[in-house]
Amino acid sequence: MALIEIVREVRLSPAESWRRLTDWEEHGRFVPLTTITVTPQGFDAFTGIGRVGFHDPMEIVRWDEGAFCRLEKRGRIVTGWAELAVEPIAGGSRVTWREDIHVKGTPRAADSLTRASSRALFTRVIDGLLA
């Protein structure tokens, strides 16, 4: 598994940060070749072209409105979890994105590459959503 944590302090209200962070379809704007579809359990991220690609279904397993969300990755290729948190600070909010991700079939020795690429990707997502 490759654990990452990204923290941003922004001048958005906690409610606005939360709204942006949990607008699941909007995440797809910042992940190349990916479309997000909301499901009854959470959402599914399909990455690919046409029908060639893979699904990354995520189930919301904890939801504290406006403050915290935990997602479990239920895919055949990508597994792990993500936690999104928003807390008020003077002048805005602090957003924390923690994620532990594993690509099935990759050895533990590849965790540093998974960690680096995940950090780059999710930094792009969080910065885009909060801009």
C-alpha atoms as a PDB file:
ATOM      1  CA  MET A   1       0.000   0.000   0.000  1.00  0.00           C
ATOM      2  CA  ALA A   2       1.081   3.559  -0.649  1.00  0.00           C
ATOM      3  CA  LEU A   3      -0.084   6.050   1.966  1.00  0.00           C
ATOM      4  CA  ILE A   4      -0.265   9.721   1.013  1.00  0.00           C
ATOM      5  CA  GLU A   5      -1.572  12.817   2.781  1.00  0.00           C
ATOM      6  CA  ILE A   6      -2.243  16.171   1.182  1.00  0.00           C
ATOM      7  CA  VAL A   7      -3.227  19.180   3.317  1.00  0.00           C
ATOM      8  CA  ARG A   8      -4.419  22.524   2.015  1.00  0.00           C
ATOM      9  CA  GLU A   9      -5.468  25.652   3.875  1.00  0.00           C
ATOM     10  CA  VAL A  10      -7.823  27.721   1.761  1.00  0.00           C
ATOM     11  CA  ARG A  11      -9.876  30.886   2.096  1.00  0.00           C
ATOM     12  CA  LEU A  12     -13.092  28.991   1.376  1.00  0.00           C
ATOM     13  CA  SER A  13     -15.654  28.405   4.098  1.00  0.00           C
ATOM     14  CA  PRO A  14     -15.702  24.850   5.441  1.00  0.00           C
ATOM     15  CA  ALA A  15     -19.124  24.352   3.832  1.00  0.00           C
ATOM     16  CA  GLU A  16     -17.847  25.452   0.409  1.00  0.00           C
ATOM     17  CA  SER A  17     -14.667  23.363   0.709  1.00  0.00           C
ATOM     18  CA  TRP A  18     -16.817  20.340   1.609  1.00  0.00           C
ATOM     19  CA  ARG A  19     -19.211  20.958  -1.272  1.00  0.00           C
ATOM     20  CA  ARG A  20     -16.354  21.136  -3.769  1.00  0.00           C
ATOM     21  CA  LEU A  21     -14.467  18.184  -2.320  1.00  0.00           C
ATOM     22  CA  THR A  22     -17.506  15.889  -2.422  1.00  0.00           C
ATOM     23  CA  ASP A  23     -18.731  16.873  -5.880  1.00  0.00           C
ATOM     24  CA  TRP A  24     -17.685  13.436  -7.163  1.00  0.00           C
ATOM     25  CA  GLU A  25     -18.384  14.020 -10.863  1.00  0.00           C
ATOM     26  CA  GLU A  26     -16.182  17.121 -10.762  1.00  0.00           C
ATOM     27  CA  HIS A  27     -13.179  14.981  -9.759  1.00  0.00           C
ATOM     28  CA  GLY A  28     -13.158  13.615 -13.309  1.00  0.00           C
ATOM     29  CA  ARG A  29     -12.169  17.032 -14.683  1.00  0.00           C
ATOM     30  CA  PHE A  30      -8.775  16.652 -13.042  1.00  0.00           C
ATOM     31  CA  VAL A  31      -8.036  12.968 -13.701  1.00  0.00           C
ATOM     32  CA  PRO A  32      -6.976  12.261 -17.293  1.00  0.00           C
ATOM     33  CA  LEU A  33      -9.272   9.979 -19.305  1.00  0.00           C
ATOM     34  CA  THR A  34     -11.615   9.503 -16.327  1.00  0.00           C
ATOM     35  CA  THR A  35     -15.373   9.810 -15.957  1.00  0.00           C
ATOM     36  CA  ILE A  36     -17.068   9.678 -12.558  1.00  0.00           C
ATOM     37  CA  THR A  37     -20.551   8.233 -12.126  1.00  0.00           C
ATOM     38  CA  VAL A  38     -22.417   8.486  -8.833  1.00  0.00           C
ATOM     39  CA  THR A  39     -23.813   5.144  -7.593  1.00  0.00           C
ATOM     40  CA  PRO A  40     -26.128   4.271  -4.684  1.00  0.00           C
ATOM     41  CA  GLN A  41     -23.073   3.207  -2.630  1.00  0.00           C
ATOM     42  CA  GLY A  42     -20.733   6.049  -3.627  1.00  0.00           C
ATOM     43  CA  PHE A  43     -19.285   6.442  -7.101  1.00  0.00           C
ATOM     44  CA  ASP A  44     -17.363   4.724  -9.881  1.00  0.00           C
ATOM     45  CA  ALA A  45     -14.370   6.197 -11.667  1.00  0.00           C
ATOM     46  CA  PHE A  46     -13.879   4.754 -15.152  1.00  0.00           C
ATOM     47  CA  THR A  47     -10.465   5.447 -16.647  1.00  0.00           C
ATOM     48  CA  GLY A  48      -9.961   4.583 -20.292  1.00  0.00           C
ATOM     49  CA  ILE A  49     -10.946   5.265 -23.867  1.00  0.00           C
ATOM     50  CA  GLY A  50     -14.238   3.881 -25.141  1.00  0.00           C
ATOM     51  CA  ARG A  51     -14.762   0.507 -23.519  1.00  0.00           C
ATOM     52  CA  VAL A  52     -11.045  -0.120 -22.975  1.00  0.00           C
ATOM     53  CA  GLY A  53     -10.066   0.792 -19.443  1.00  0.00           C
ATOM     54  CA  PHE A  54     -10.888  -0.083 -15.870  1.00  0.00           C
ATOM     55  CA  HIS A  55     -13.433   0.762 -13.201  1.00  0.00           C
ATOM     56  CA  ASP A  56     -12.469   2.049  -9.759  1.00  0.00           C
ATOM     57  CA  PRO A  57     -15.674   1.708  -7.703  1.00  0.00           C
ATOM     58  CA  MET A  58     -15.663   3.461  -4.336  1.00  0.00           C
ATOM     59  CA  GLU A  59     -18.095   2.930  -1.494  1.00  0.00           C
ATOM     60  CA  ILE A  60     -18.797   5.617   1.079  1.00  0.00           C
ATOM     61  CA  VAL A  61     -18.440   3.801   4.411  1.00  0.00           C
ATOM     62  CA  ARG A  62     -18.536   6.826   6.704  1.00  0.00           C
ATOM     63  CA  TRP A  63     -20.134  10.211   6.139  1.00  0.00           C
ATOM     64  CA  ASP A  64     -20.031  13.004   8.720  1.00  0.00           C
ATOM     65  CA  GLU A  65     -21.744  15.777   6.772  1.00  0.00           C
ATOM     66  CA  GLY A  66     -19.486  18.748   6.214  1.00  0.00           C
ATOM     67  CA  ALA A  67     -16.506  17.313   8.058  1.00  0.00           C
ATOM     68  CA  PHE A  68     -15.371  13.784   7.164  1.00  0.00           C
ATOM     69  CA  CYS A  69     -15.850  11.060   4.576  1.00  0.00           C
ATOM     70  CA  ARG A  70     -14.193   7.644   4.263  1.00  0.00           C
ATOM     71  CA  LEU A  71     -14.240   5.772   0.979  1.00  0.00           C
ATOM     72  CA  GLU A  72     -13.286   2.132   0.412  1.00  0.00           C
ATOM     73  CA  LYS A  73     -11.930   1.246  -3.029  1.00  0.00           C
ATOM     74  CA  ARG A  74     -13.733  -1.903  -4.200  1.00  0.00           C
ATOM     75  CA  GLY A  75     -12.175  -2.421  -7.615  1.00  0.00           C
ATOM     76  CA  ARG A  76     -10.525  -5.423  -9.212  1.00  0.00           C
ATOM     77  CA  ILE A  77      -7.426  -3.369 -10.039  1.00  0.00           C
ATOM     78  CA  VAL A  78      -7.212  -0.556  -7.479  1.00  0.00           C
ATOM     79  CA  THR A  79      -7.808  -1.203  -3.779  1.00  0.00           C
ATOM     80  CA  GLY A  80      -7.378   0.789  -0.582  1.00  0.00           C
ATOM     81  CA  TRP A  81      -9.208   3.690   1.018  1.00  0.00           C
ATOM     82  CA  ALA A  82      -9.440   7.469   1.094  1.00  0.00           C
ATOM     83  CA  GLU A  83     -10.398   9.886   3.860  1.00  0.00           C
ATOM     84  CA  LEU A  84     -11.443  13.462   3.146  1.00  0.00           C
ATOM     85  CA  ALA A  85     -11.689  15.911   6.033  1.00  0.00           C
ATOM     86  CA  VAL A  86     -12.573  19.593   6.312  1.00  0.00           C
ATOM     87  CA  GLU A  87     -12.104  21.674   9.447  1.00  0.00           C
ATOM     88  CA  PRO A  88     -12.594  25.384  10.099  1.00  0.00           C
ATOM     89  CA  ILE A  89      -9.576  27.616  10.616  1.00  0.00           C
ATOM     90  CA  ALA A  90      -9.251  31.384  10.925  1.00  0.00           C
ATOM     91  CA  GLY A  91     -10.115  32.866   7.535  1.00  0.00           C
ATOM     92  CA  GLY A  92     -11.205  29.640   5.861  1.00  0.00           C
ATOM     93  CA  SER A  93     -10.736  25.906   6.121  1.00  0.00           C
ATOM     94  CA  ARG A  94      -8.145  23.152   6.253  1.00  0.00           C
ATOM     95  CA  VAL A  95      -8.690  20.252   3.882  1.00  0.00           C
ATOM     96  CA  THR A  96      -6.941  16.930   4.431  1.00  0.00           C
ATOM     97  CA  TRP A  97      -6.934  14.130   1.861  1.00  0.00           C
ATOM     98  CA  ARG A  98      -5.439  10.842   3.098  1.00  0.00           C
ATOM     99  CA  GLU A  99      -5.315   7.846   0.820  1.00  0.00           C
ATOM    100  CA  ASP A 100      -3.813   4.383   0.950  1.00  0.00           C
ATOM    101  CA  ILE A 101      -3.766   2.881  -2.520  1.00  0.00           C
ATOM    102  CA  HIS A 102      -2.576  -0.370  -4.037  1.00  0.00           C
ATOM    103  CA  VAL A 103      -2.633  -1.522  -7.639  1.00  0.00           C
ATOM    104  CA  LYS A 104      -3.247  -5.262  -7.692  1.00  0.00           C
ATOM    105  CA  GLY A 105      -0.466  -7.280  -9.234  1.00  0.00           C
ATOM    106  CA  THR A 106       2.256  -4.757  -8.413  1.00  0.00           C
ATOM    107  CA  PRO A 107       4.948  -5.761  -5.936  1.00  0.00           C
ATOM    108  CA  ARG A 108       5.517  -3.868  -2.679  1.00  0.00           C
ATOM    109  CA  ALA A 109       8.760  -2.629  -4.219  1.00  0.00           C
ATOM    110  CA  ALA A 110       6.620  -0.513  -6.558  1.00  0.00           C
ATOM    111  CA  ASP A 111       4.891   1.281  -3.652  1.00  0.00           C
ATOM    112  CA  SER A 112       7.213   4.289  -3.928  1.00  0.00           C
ATOM    113  CA  LEU A 113       6.222   4.743  -7.582  1.00  0.00           C
ATOM    114  CA  THR A 114       2.525   4.305  -6.712  1.00  0.00           C
ATOM    115  CA  ARG A 115       2.931   6.803  -3.865  1.00  0.00           C
ATOM    116  CA  ALA A 116       4.656   9.416  -6.062  1.00  0.00           C
ATOM    117  CA  SER A 117       2.184   9.118  -8.939  1.00  0.00           C
ATOM    118  CA  SER A 118      -0.805   9.120  -6.557  1.00  0.00           C
ATOM    119  CA  ARG A 119       0.489  12.200  -4.751  1.00  0.00           C
ATOM    120  CA  ALA A 120       0.901  14.023  -8.086  1.00  0.00           C
ATOM    121  CA  LEU A 121      -2.564  12.993  -9.296  1.00  0.00           C
ATOM    122  CA  PHE A 122      -4.462  13.757  -6.090  1.00  0.00           C
ATOM    123  CA  THR A 123      -2.619  17.054  -5.631  1.00  0.00           C
ATOM    124  CA  ARG A 124      -3.939  18.004  -9.069  1.00  0.00           C
ATOM    125  CA  VAL A 125      -7.463  16.932  -8.062  1.00  0.00           C
ATOM    126  CA  ILE A 126      -7.575  18.709  -4.697  1.00  0.00           C
ATOM    127  CA  ASP A 127      -5.949  21.893  -6.009  1.00  0.00           C
ATOM    128  CA  GLY A 128      -8.352  21.933  -8.971  1.00  0.00           C
ATOM    129  CA  LEU A 129     -11.431  21.378  -6.832  1.00  0.00           C
ATOM    130  CA  LEU A 130     -10.465  24.083  -4.345  1.00  0.00           C
ATOM    131  CA  ALA A 131      -9.309  26.689  -6.899  1.00  0.00           C
END
